[in-house]
């Protein structure tokens, strides 16, 4: 999986590409923890436009991120979901847990 990050004001964006699955766990966790360290951000966007596949472990990683972000008073948004990714997210009812744009 490819990971690109950027920060503008208090908004951090993590753009993912390729397969988002269990093999991505360590890189995703390290990236999100680094982005949320301190009080520099209040919103974290996960850009899924270049994700070609995501599985249940990726959904679990997003849920764990949501919990950690909530504890850090940070909002997580899922943005630019490709059609296959949006389908998986909707089946999992993530629209009830995340803001998805």
PDB file of N, CA and C in Angstrom:
ATOM      1  N   UNK A   1       0.839  -1.167   0.000  1.00  0.00           N
ATOM      2  CA  UNK A   1       0.000   0.000   0.000  1.00  0.00           C
ATOM      3  C   UNK A   1       0.887   1.234   0.000  1.00  0.00           C
ATOM      4  N   UNK A   2       0.471   2.230  -0.734  1.00  0.00           N
ATOM      5  CA  UNK A   2       1.154   3.516  -0.757  1.00  0.00           C
ATOM      6  C   UNK A   2       0.471   4.451   0.231  1.00  0.00           C
ATOM      7  N   UNK A   3       1.274   5.274   0.905  1.00  0.00           N
ATOM      8  CA  UNK A   3       0.731   6.246   1.854  1.00  0.00           C
ATOM      9  C   UNK A   3       1.397   7.587   1.602  1.00  0.00           C
ATOM     10  N   UNK A   4       0.563   8.613   1.387  1.00  0.00           N
ATOM     11  CA  UNK A   4       1.053   9.987   1.261  1.00  0.00           C
ATOM     12  C   UNK A   4       0.343  10.821   2.316  1.00  0.00           C
ATOM     13  N   UNK A   5       1.077  11.742   2.926  1.00  0.00           N
ATOM     14  CA  UNK A   5       0.481  12.565   3.984  1.00  0.00           C
ATOM     15  C   UNK A   5       0.695  14.043   3.694  1.00  0.00           C
ATOM     16  N   UNK A   6      -0.220  14.838   4.231  1.00  0.00           N
ATOM     17  CA  UNK A   6      -0.066  16.288   4.173  1.00  0.00           C
ATOM     18  C   UNK A   6      -0.836  16.893   5.341  1.00  0.00           C
ATOM     19  N   UNK A   7      -0.407  18.084   5.742  1.00  0.00           N
ATOM     20  CA  UNK A   7      -1.081  18.820   6.815  1.00  0.00           C
ATOM     21  C   UNK A   7      -1.246  20.261   6.362  1.00  0.00           C
ATOM     22  N   UNK A   8      -2.480  20.747   6.450  1.00  0.00           N
ATOM     23  CA  UNK A   8      -2.782  22.147   6.149  1.00  0.00           C
ATOM     24  C   UNK A   8      -3.578  22.674   7.332  1.00  0.00           C
ATOM     25  N   UNK A   9      -3.029  23.672   7.992  1.00  0.00           N
ATOM     26  CA  UNK A   9      -3.625  24.209   9.215  1.00  0.00           C
ATOM     27  C   UNK A   9      -3.818  23.067  10.206  1.00  0.00           C
ATOM     28  N   UNK A  10      -5.057  22.783  10.587  1.00  0.00           N
ATOM     29  CA  UNK A  10      -5.327  21.733  11.578  1.00  0.00           C
ATOM     30  C   UNK A  10      -5.948  20.495  10.935  1.00  0.00           C
ATOM     31  N   UNK A  11      -5.821  20.385   9.598  1.00  0.00           N
ATOM     32  CA  UNK A  11      -6.345  19.258   8.850  1.00  0.00           C
ATOM     33  C   UNK A  11      -5.203  18.406   8.323  1.00  0.00           C
ATOM     34  N   UNK A  12      -5.219  17.137   8.684  1.00  0.00           N
ATOM     35  CA  UNK A  12      -4.230  16.195   8.164  1.00  0.00           C
ATOM     36  C   UNK A  12      -4.926  15.286   7.164  1.00  0.00           C
ATOM     37  N   UNK A  13      -4.242  14.992   6.076  1.00  0.00           N
ATOM     38  CA  UNK A  13      -4.801  14.093   5.069  1.00  0.00           C
ATOM     39  C   UNK A  13      -3.823  12.947   4.861  1.00  0.00           C
ATOM     40  N   UNK A  14      -4.379  11.753   4.876  1.00  0.00           N
ATOM     41  CA  UNK A  14      -3.605  10.552   4.581  1.00  0.00           C
ATOM     42  C   UNK A  14      -4.230   9.940   3.336  1.00  0.00           C
ATOM     43  N   UNK A  15      -3.482   9.935   2.235  1.00  0.00           N
ATOM     44  CA  UNK A  15      -3.956   9.369   0.975  1.00  0.00           C
ATOM     45  C   UNK A  15      -3.373   7.966   0.831  1.00  0.00           C
ATOM     46  N   UNK A  16      -4.258   6.992   0.711  1.00  0.00           N
ATOM     47  CA  UNK A  16      -3.848   5.603   0.592  1.00  0.00           C
ATOM     48  C   UNK A  16      -3.994   5.150  -0.855  1.00  0.00           C
ATOM     49  N   UNK A  17      -3.155   4.212  -1.263  1.00  0.00           N
ATOM     50  CA  UNK A  17      -3.237   3.669  -2.613  1.00  0.00           C
ATOM     51  C   UNK A  17      -2.917   2.195  -2.621  1.00  0.00           C
ATOM     52  N   UNK A  18      -3.572   1.456  -3.512  1.00  0.00           N
ATOM     53  CA  UNK A  18      -3.331   0.026  -3.633  1.00  0.00           C
ATOM     54  C   UNK A  18      -4.229  -0.775  -2.712  1.00  0.00           C
ATOM     55  N   UNK A  19      -3.717  -1.900  -2.247  1.00  0.00           N
ATOM     56  CA  UNK A  19      -4.482  -2.796  -1.377  1.00  0.00           C
ATOM     57  C   UNK A  19      -4.384  -2.344   0.074  1.00  0.00           C
ATOM     58  N   UNK A  20      -5.529  -2.169   0.695  1.00  0.00           N
ATOM     59  CA  UNK A  20      -5.597  -1.798   2.114  1.00  0.00           C
ATOM     60  C   UNK A  20      -6.093  -3.039   2.840  1.00  0.00           C
ATOM     61  N   UNK A  21      -5.146  -3.798   3.376  1.00  0.00           N
ATOM     62  CA  UNK A  21      -5.479  -5.061   4.030  1.00  0.00           C
ATOM     63  C   UNK A  21      -4.551  -5.265   5.229  1.00  0.00           C
ATOM     64  N   UNK A  22      -4.567  -6.458   5.788  1.00  0.00           N
ATOM     65  CA  UNK A  22      -3.808  -6.703   7.018  1.00  0.00           C
ATOM     66  C   UNK A  22      -2.318  -6.407   6.861  1.00  0.00           C
ATOM     67  N   UNK A  23      -1.775  -6.625   5.678  1.00  0.00           N
ATOM     68  CA  UNK A  23      -0.341  -6.370   5.484  1.00  0.00           C
ATOM     69  C   UNK A  23      -0.006  -4.883   5.637  1.00  0.00           C
ATOM     70  N   UNK A  24      -1.016  -4.026   5.608  1.00  0.00           N
ATOM     71  CA  UNK A  24      -0.823  -2.579   5.739  1.00  0.00           C
ATOM     72  C   UNK A  24      -0.916  -2.105   7.183  1.00  0.00           C
ATOM     73  N   UNK A  25      -1.211  -3.007   8.091  1.00  0.00           N
ATOM     74  CA  UNK A  25      -1.514  -2.634   9.474  1.00  0.00           C
ATOM     75  C   UNK A  25      -0.431  -1.764  10.103  1.00  0.00           C
ATOM     76  N   UNK A  26       0.791  -2.204  10.069  1.00  0.00           N
ATOM     77  CA  UNK A  26       1.873  -1.474  10.749  1.00  0.00           C
ATOM     78  C   UNK A  26       2.078  -0.088  10.147  1.00  0.00           C
ATOM     79  N   UNK A  27       2.164  -0.001   8.846  1.00  0.00           N
ATOM     80  CA  UNK A  27       2.391   1.291   8.187  1.00  0.00           C
ATOM     81  C   UNK A  27       1.227   2.249   8.452  1.00  0.00           C
ATOM     82  N   UNK A  28      -0.001   1.753   8.398  1.00  0.00           N
ATOM     83  CA  UNK A  28      -1.166   2.592   8.645  1.00  0.00           C
ATOM     84  C   UNK A  28      -1.173   3.091  10.088  1.00  0.00           C
ATOM     85  N   UNK A  29      -0.936   2.204  11.032  1.00  0.00           N
ATOM     86  CA  UNK A  29      -0.924   2.578  12.445  1.00  0.00           C
ATOM     87  C   UNK A  29       0.169   3.603  12.736  1.00  0.00           C
ATOM     88  N   UNK A  30       1.372   3.356  12.240  1.00  0.00           N
ATOM     89  CA  UNK A  30       2.481   4.284  12.487  1.00  0.00           C
ATOM     90  C   UNK A  30       2.196   5.661  11.881  1.00  0.00           C
ATOM     91  N   UNK A  31       1.613   5.675  10.692  1.00  0.00           N
ATOM     92  CA  UNK A  31       1.302   6.943  10.031  1.00  0.00           C
ATOM     93  C   UNK A  31       0.237   7.708  10.800  1.00  0.00           C
ATOM     94  N   UNK A  32      -0.834   7.027  11.174  1.00  0.00           N
ATOM     95  CA  UNK A  32      -1.917   7.725  11.872  1.00  0.00           C
ATOM     96  C   UNK A  32      -1.464   8.199  13.247  1.00  0.00           C
ATOM     97  N   UNK A  33      -0.677   7.415  13.943  1.00  0.00           N
ATOM     98  CA  UNK A  33      -0.181   7.843  15.254  1.00  0.00           C
ATOM     99  C   UNK A  33       0.725   9.059  15.127  1.00  0.00           C
ATOM    100  N   UNK A  34       1.563   9.073  14.105  1.00  0.00           N
ATOM    101  CA  UNK A  34       2.461  10.206  13.886  1.00  0.00           C
ATOM    102  C   UNK A  34       1.650  11.465  13.560  1.00  0.00           C
ATOM    103  N   UNK A  35       0.611  11.320  12.760  1.00  0.00           N
ATOM    104  CA  UNK A  35      -0.195  12.478  12.370  1.00  0.00           C
ATOM    105  C   UNK A  35      -0.988  13.034  13.557  1.00  0.00           C
ATOM    106  N   UNK A  36      -1.404  12.178  14.474  1.00  0.00           N
ATOM    107  CA  UNK A  36      -2.212  12.631  15.610  1.00  0.00           C
ATOM    108  C   UNK A  36      -1.384  12.990  16.835  1.00  0.00           C
ATOM    109  N   UNK A  37      -0.071  12.846  16.755  1.00  0.00           N
ATOM    110  CA  UNK A  37       0.776  13.166  17.904  1.00  0.00           C
ATOM    111  C   UNK A  37       0.663  14.653  18.230  1.00  0.00           C
ATOM    112  N   UNK A  38       0.528  14.951  19.494  1.00  0.00           N
ATOM    113  CA  UNK A  38       0.391  16.336  19.922  1.00  0.00           C
ATOM    114  C   UNK A  38      -1.006  16.858  19.624  1.00  0.00           C
ATOM    115  N   UNK A  39      -1.142  18.158  19.594  1.00  0.00           N
ATOM    116  CA  UNK A  39      -2.435  18.800  19.352  1.00  0.00           C
ATOM    117  C   UNK A  39      -2.439  19.569  18.043  1.00  0.00           C
ATOM    118  N   UNK A  40      -1.653  19.155  17.082  1.00  0.00           N
ATOM    119  CA  UNK A  40      -1.493  19.923  15.850  1.00  0.00           C
ATOM    120  C   UNK A  40      -2.708  19.852  14.929  1.00  0.00           C
ATOM    121  N   UNK A  41      -3.515  18.786  15.025  1.00  0.00           N
ATOM    122  CA  UNK A  41      -4.651  18.642  14.112  1.00  0.00           C
ATOM    123  C   UNK A  41      -5.945  18.410  14.883  1.00  0.00           C
ATOM    124  N   UNK A  42      -7.055  18.736  14.254  1.00  0.00           N
ATOM    125  CA  UNK A  42      -8.354  18.404  14.829  1.00  0.00           C
ATOM    126  C   UNK A  42      -9.222  17.610  13.859  1.00  0.00           C
ATOM    127  N   UNK A  43      -8.753  17.472  12.600  1.00  0.00           N
ATOM    128  CA  UNK A  43      -9.462  16.671  11.605  1.00  0.00           C
ATOM    129  C   UNK A  43      -8.458  15.822  10.850  1.00  0.00           C
ATOM    130  N   UNK A  44      -8.813  14.564  10.648  1.00  0.00           N
ATOM    131  CA  UNK A  44      -7.969  13.628   9.910  1.00  0.00           C
ATOM    132  C   UNK A  44      -8.801  13.054   8.776  1.00  0.00           C
ATOM    133  N   UNK A  45      -8.386  13.337   7.545  1.00  0.00           N
ATOM    134  CA  UNK A  45      -9.071  12.787   6.383  1.00  0.00           C
ATOM    135  C   UNK A  45      -8.292  11.607   5.844  1.00  0.00           C
ATOM    136  N   UNK A  46      -9.016  10.531   5.603  1.00  0.00           N
ATOM    137  CA  UNK A  46      -8.432   9.356   4.981  1.00  0.00           C
ATOM    138  C   UNK A  46      -8.938   9.329   3.543  1.00  0.00           C
ATOM    139  N   UNK A  47      -8.050   9.606   2.590  1.00  0.00           N
ATOM    140  CA  UNK A  47      -8.399   9.661   1.173  1.00  0.00           C
ATOM    141  C   UNK A  47      -8.260   8.253   0.591  1.00  0.00           C
ATOM    142  N   UNK A  48      -9.385   7.701   0.159  1.00  0.00           N
ATOM    143  CA  UNK A  48      -9.423   6.326  -0.334  1.00  0.00           C
ATOM    144  C   UNK A  48      -9.574   6.251  -1.852  1.00  0.00           C
ATOM    145  N   UNK A  49      -9.327   7.346  -2.553  1.00  0.00           N
ATOM    146  CA  UNK A  49      -9.557   7.374  -4.001  1.00  0.00           C
ATOM    147  C   UNK A  49      -8.687   6.390  -4.777  1.00  0.00           C
ATOM    148  N   UNK A  50      -7.491   6.101  -4.302  1.00  0.00           N
ATOM    149  CA  UNK A  50      -6.585   5.208  -5.022  1.00  0.00           C
ATOM    150  C   UNK A  50      -6.539   3.801  -4.425  1.00  0.00           C
ATOM    151  N   UNK A  51      -7.436   3.512  -3.473  1.00  0.00           N
ATOM    152  CA  UNK A  51      -7.483   2.171  -2.886  1.00  0.00           C
ATOM    153  C   UNK A  51      -8.218   1.257  -3.857  1.00  0.00           C
ATOM    154  N   UNK A  52      -7.578   0.158  -4.209  1.00  0.00           N
ATOM    155  CA  UNK A  52      -8.166  -0.790  -5.160  1.00  0.00           C
ATOM    156  C   UNK A  52      -8.875  -1.947  -4.474  1.00  0.00           C
ATOM    157  N   UNK A  53      -8.560  -2.156  -3.193  1.00  0.00           N
ATOM    158  CA  UNK A  53      -9.135  -3.289  -2.452  1.00  0.00           C
ATOM    159  C   UNK A  53      -9.060  -2.966  -0.977  1.00  0.00           C
ATOM    160  N   UNK A  54     -10.127  -3.291  -0.240  1.00  0.00           N
ATOM    161  CA  UNK A  54     -10.032  -3.228   1.208  1.00  0.00           C
ATOM    162  C   UNK A  54     -10.814  -4.376   1.795  1.00  0.00           C
ATOM    163  N   UNK A  55     -10.298  -4.909   2.891  1.00  0.00           N
ATOM    164  CA  UNK A  55     -10.920  -6.080   3.501  1.00  0.00           C
ATOM    165  C   UNK A  55     -11.355  -5.770   4.928  1.00  0.00           C
ATOM    166  N   UNK A  56     -11.813  -6.802   5.624  1.00  0.00           N
ATOM    167  CA  UNK A  56     -12.331  -6.601   6.983  1.00  0.00           C
ATOM    168  C   UNK A  56     -11.260  -6.099   7.947  1.00  0.00           C
ATOM    169  N   UNK A  57     -10.014  -6.466   7.734  1.00  0.00           N
ATOM    170  CA  UNK A  57      -8.966  -5.961   8.628  1.00  0.00           C
ATOM    171  C   UNK A  57      -8.774  -4.457   8.413  1.00  0.00           C
ATOM    172  N   UNK A  58      -8.941  -3.968   7.202  1.00  0.00           N
ATOM    173  CA  UNK A  58      -8.873  -2.530   6.943  1.00  0.00           C
ATOM    174  C   UNK A  58     -10.025  -1.819   7.644  1.00  0.00           C
ATOM    175  N   UNK A  59     -11.207  -2.422   7.615  1.00  0.00           N
ATOM    176  CA  UNK A  59     -12.343  -1.842   8.329  1.00  0.00           C
ATOM    177  C   UNK A  59     -12.037  -1.772   9.821  1.00  0.00           C
ATOM    178  N   UNK A  60     -11.422  -2.819  10.351  1.00  0.00           N
ATOM    179  CA  UNK A  60     -11.037  -2.824  11.759  1.00  0.00           C
ATOM    180  C   UNK A  60     -10.020  -1.745  12.075  1.00  0.00           C
ATOM    181  N   UNK A  61      -9.073  -1.523  11.173  1.00  0.00           N
ATOM    182  CA  UNK A  61      -8.076  -0.466  11.381  1.00  0.00           C
ATOM    183  C   UNK A  61      -8.741   0.899  11.406  1.00  0.00           C
ATOM    184  N   UNK A  62      -9.726   1.097  10.542  1.00  0.00           N
ATOM    185  CA  UNK A  62     -10.444   2.373  10.529  1.00  0.00           C
ATOM    186  C   UNK A  62     -11.230   2.572  11.823  1.00  0.00           C
ATOM    187  N   UNK A  63     -11.824   1.501  12.338  1.00  0.00           N
ATOM    188  CA  UNK A  63     -12.553   1.599  13.608  1.00  0.00           C
ATOM    189  C   UNK A  63     -11.613   1.924  14.765  1.00  0.00           C
ATOM    190  N   UNK A  64     -10.455   1.283  14.787  1.00  0.00           N
ATOM    191  CA  UNK A  64      -9.480   1.566  15.841  1.00  0.00           C
ATOM    192  C   UNK A  64      -8.994   3.007  15.732  1.00  0.00           C
ATOM    193  N   UNK A  65      -8.788   3.486  14.518  1.00  0.00           N
ATOM    194  CA  UNK A  65      -8.391   4.873  14.314  1.00  0.00           C
ATOM    195  C   UNK A  65      -9.464   5.806  14.840  1.00  0.00           C
ATOM    196  N   UNK A  66     -10.709   5.508  14.547  1.00  0.00           N
ATOM    197  CA  UNK A  66     -11.824   6.341  15.014  1.00  0.00           C
ATOM    198  C   UNK A  66     -11.817   6.455  16.543  1.00  0.00           C
ATOM    199  N   UNK A  67     -11.607   5.341  17.222  1.00  0.00           N
ATOM    200  CA  UNK A  67     -11.574   5.352  18.683  1.00  0.00           C
ATOM    201  C   UNK A  67     -10.399   6.174  19.213  1.00  0.00           C
ATOM    202  N   UNK A  68      -9.217   5.993  18.626  1.00  0.00           N
ATOM    203  CA  UNK A  68      -8.047   6.760  19.059  1.00  0.00           C
ATOM    204  C   UNK A  68      -8.226   8.243  18.770  1.00  0.00           C
ATOM    205  N   UNK A  69      -8.801   8.550  17.629  1.00  0.00           N
ATOM    206  CA  UNK A  69      -9.013   9.946  17.258  1.00  0.00           C
ATOM    207  C   UNK A  69     -10.020  10.598  18.201  1.00  0.00           C
ATOM    208  N   UNK A  70     -11.066   9.883  18.521  1.00  0.00           N
ATOM    209  CA  UNK A  70     -12.070  10.431  19.442  1.00  0.00           C
ATOM    210  C   UNK A  70     -11.428  10.781  20.776  1.00  0.00           C
ATOM    211  N   UNK A  71     -10.554   9.910  21.279  1.00  0.00           N
ATOM    212  CA  UNK A  71      -9.870  10.165  22.547  1.00  0.00           C
ATOM    213  C   UNK A  71      -8.960  11.393  22.450  1.00  0.00           C
ATOM    214  N   UNK A  72      -8.464  11.670  21.236  1.00  0.00           N
ATOM    215  CA  UNK A  72      -7.582  12.817  21.018  1.00  0.00           C
ATOM    216  C   UNK A  72      -8.366  14.048  20.552  1.00  0.00           C
ATOM    217  N   UNK A  73      -9.696  13.987  20.622  1.00  0.00           N
ATOM    218  CA  UNK A  73     -10.570  15.091  20.197  1.00  0.00           C
ATOM    219  C   UNK A  73     -10.337  15.462  18.734  1.00  0.00           C
ATOM    220  N   UNK A  74     -10.222  14.435  17.916  1.00  0.00           N
ATOM    221  CA  UNK A  74      -9.966  14.599  16.491  1.00  0.00           C
ATOM    222  C   UNK A  74     -11.081  13.887  15.721  1.00  0.00           C
ATOM    223  N   UNK A  75     -11.536  14.489  14.644  1.00  0.00           N
ATOM    224  CA  UNK A  75     -12.588  13.920  13.808  1.00  0.00           C
ATOM    225  C   UNK A  75     -11.942  13.197  12.629  1.00  0.00           C
ATOM    226  N   UNK A  76     -12.460  12.017  12.292  1.00  0.00           N
ATOM    227  CA  UNK A  76     -11.974  11.263  11.140  1.00  0.00           C
ATOM    228  C   UNK A  76     -13.034  11.298  10.053  1.00  0.00           C
ATOM    229  N   UNK A  77     -12.599  11.651   8.835  1.00  0.00           N
ATOM    230  CA  UNK A  77     -13.491  11.620   7.677  1.00  0.00           C
ATOM    231  C   UNK A  77     -12.895  10.718   6.614  1.00  0.00           C
ATOM    232  N   UNK A  78     -13.752   9.954   5.965  1.00  0.00           N
ATOM    233  CA  UNK A  78     -13.343   9.130   4.831  1.00  0.00           C
ATOM    234  C   UNK A  78     -13.744   9.892   3.581  1.00  0.00           C
ATOM    235  N   UNK A  79     -12.786  10.142   2.690  1.00  0.00           N
ATOM    236  CA  UNK A  79     -13.065  10.975   1.528  1.00  0.00           C
ATOM    237  C   UNK A  79     -12.654  10.270   0.230  1.00  0.00           C
ATOM    238  N   UNK A  80     -13.321  10.700  -0.853  1.00  0.00           N
ATOM    239  CA  UNK A  80     -12.988  10.251  -2.208  1.00  0.00           C
ATOM    240  C   UNK A  80     -12.996   8.731  -2.363  1.00  0.00           C
ATOM    241  N   UNK A  81     -13.994   8.095  -1.810  1.00  0.00           N
ATOM    242  CA  UNK A  81     -14.080   6.632  -1.897  1.00  0.00           C
ATOM    243  C   UNK A  81     -14.359   6.194  -3.330  1.00  0.00           C
ATOM    244  N   UNK A  82     -13.568   5.282  -3.827  1.00  0.00           N
ATOM    245  CA  UNK A  82     -13.847   4.702  -5.138  1.00  0.00           C
ATOM    246  C   UNK A  82     -15.106   3.845  -5.023  1.00  0.00           C
ATOM    247  N   UNK A  83     -15.710   3.498  -6.140  1.00  0.00           N
ATOM    248  CA  UNK A  83     -16.966   2.736  -6.123  1.00  0.00           C
ATOM    249  C   UNK A  83     -16.840   1.406  -5.375  1.00  0.00           C
ATOM    250  N   UNK A  84     -15.797   0.598  -5.640  1.00  0.00           N
ATOM    251  CA  UNK A  84     -15.694  -0.671  -4.901  1.00  0.00           C
ATOM    252  C   UNK A  84     -15.497  -0.475  -3.398  1.00  0.00           C
ATOM    253  N   UNK A  85     -14.734   0.543  -3.027  1.00  0.00           N
ATOM    254  CA  UNK A  85     -14.490   0.839  -1.614  1.00  0.00           C
ATOM    255  C   UNK A  85     -15.783   1.324  -0.964  1.00  0.00           C
ATOM    256  N   UNK A  86     -16.498   2.202  -1.636  1.00  0.00           N
ATOM    257  CA  UNK A  86     -17.759   2.713  -1.092  1.00  0.00           C
ATOM    258  C   UNK A  86     -18.743   1.564  -0.862  1.00  0.00           C
ATOM    259  N   UNK A  87     -18.766   0.596  -1.759  1.00  0.00           N
ATOM    260  CA  UNK A  87     -19.673  -0.541  -1.605  1.00  0.00           C
ATOM    261  C   UNK A  87     -19.357  -1.319  -0.325  1.00  0.00           C
ATOM    262  N   UNK A  88     -18.093  -1.598  -0.077  1.00  0.00           N
ATOM    263  CA  UNK A  88     -17.695  -2.322   1.134  1.00  0.00           C
ATOM    264  C   UNK A  88     -18.040  -1.498   2.376  1.00  0.00           C
ATOM    265  N   UNK A  89     -17.764  -0.208   2.328  1.00  0.00           N
ATOM    266  CA  UNK A  89     -18.032   0.669   3.458  1.00  0.00           C
ATOM    267  C   UNK A  89     -19.530   0.737   3.764  1.00  0.00           C
ATOM    268  N   UNK A  90     -20.338   0.784   2.719  1.00  0.00           N
ATOM    269  CA  UNK A  90     -21.788   0.838   2.923  1.00  0.00           C
ATOM    270  C   UNK A  90     -22.337  -0.481   3.465  1.00  0.00           C
ATOM    271  N   UNK A  91     -21.824  -1.599   2.983  1.00  0.00           N
ATOM    272  CA  UNK A  91     -22.252  -2.901   3.495  1.00  0.00           C
ATOM    273  C   UNK A  91     -21.936  -3.010   4.983  1.00  0.00           C
ATOM    274  N   UNK A  92     -20.812  -2.423   5.396  1.00  0.00           N
ATOM    275  CA  UNK A  92     -20.405  -2.444   6.803  1.00  0.00           C
ATOM    276  C   UNK A  92     -21.103  -1.359   7.631  1.00  0.00           C
ATOM    277  N   UNK A  93     -21.978  -0.568   7.008  1.00  0.00           N
ATOM    278  CA  UNK A  93     -22.708   0.518   7.679  1.00  0.00           C
ATOM    279  C   UNK A  93     -21.787   1.576   8.269  1.00  0.00           C
ATOM    280  N   UNK A  94     -20.653   1.805   7.650  1.00  0.00           N
ATOM    281  CA  UNK A  94     -19.717   2.804   8.154  1.00  0.00           C
ATOM    282  C   UNK A  94     -20.245   4.221   8.010  1.00  0.00           C
ATOM    283  N   UNK A  95     -21.236   4.425   7.159  1.00  0.00           N
ATOM    284  CA  UNK A  95     -21.810   5.763   7.026  1.00  0.00           C
ATOM    285  C   UNK A  95     -22.464   6.195   8.330  1.00  0.00           C
ATOM    286  N   UNK A  96     -22.737   5.261   9.228  1.00  0.00           N
ATOM    287  CA  UNK A  96     -23.291   5.599  10.539  1.00  0.00           C
ATOM    288  C   UNK A  96     -22.193   5.976  11.535  1.00  0.00           C
ATOM    289  N   UNK A  97     -20.960   5.625  11.212  1.00  0.00           N
ATOM    290  CA  UNK A  97     -19.845   5.840  12.129  1.00  0.00           C
ATOM    291  C   UNK A  97     -18.891   6.944  11.701  1.00  0.00           C
ATOM    292  N   UNK A  98     -18.852   7.223  10.416  1.00  0.00           N
ATOM    293  CA  UNK A  98     -17.910   8.198   9.858  1.00  0.00           C
ATOM    294  C   UNK A  98     -18.659   9.184   8.971  1.00  0.00           C
ATOM    295  N   UNK A  99     -18.070  10.349   8.809  1.00  0.00           N
ATOM    296  CA  UNK A  99     -18.505  11.247   7.751  1.00  0.00           C
ATOM    297  C   UNK A  99     -17.806  10.759   6.489  1.00  0.00           C
ATOM    298  N   UNK A 100     -18.580  10.494   5.445  1.00  0.00           N
ATOM    299  CA  UNK A 100     -18.023   9.976   4.197  1.00  0.00           C
ATOM    300  C   UNK A 100     -18.395  10.938   3.080  1.00  0.00           C
ATOM    301  N   UNK A 101     -17.373  11.459   2.402  1.00  0.00           N
ATOM    302  CA  UNK A 101     -17.624  12.378   1.290  1.00  0.00           C
ATOM    303  C   UNK A 101     -16.923  11.921   0.048  1.00  0.00           C
TER     304      UNK A 101
END
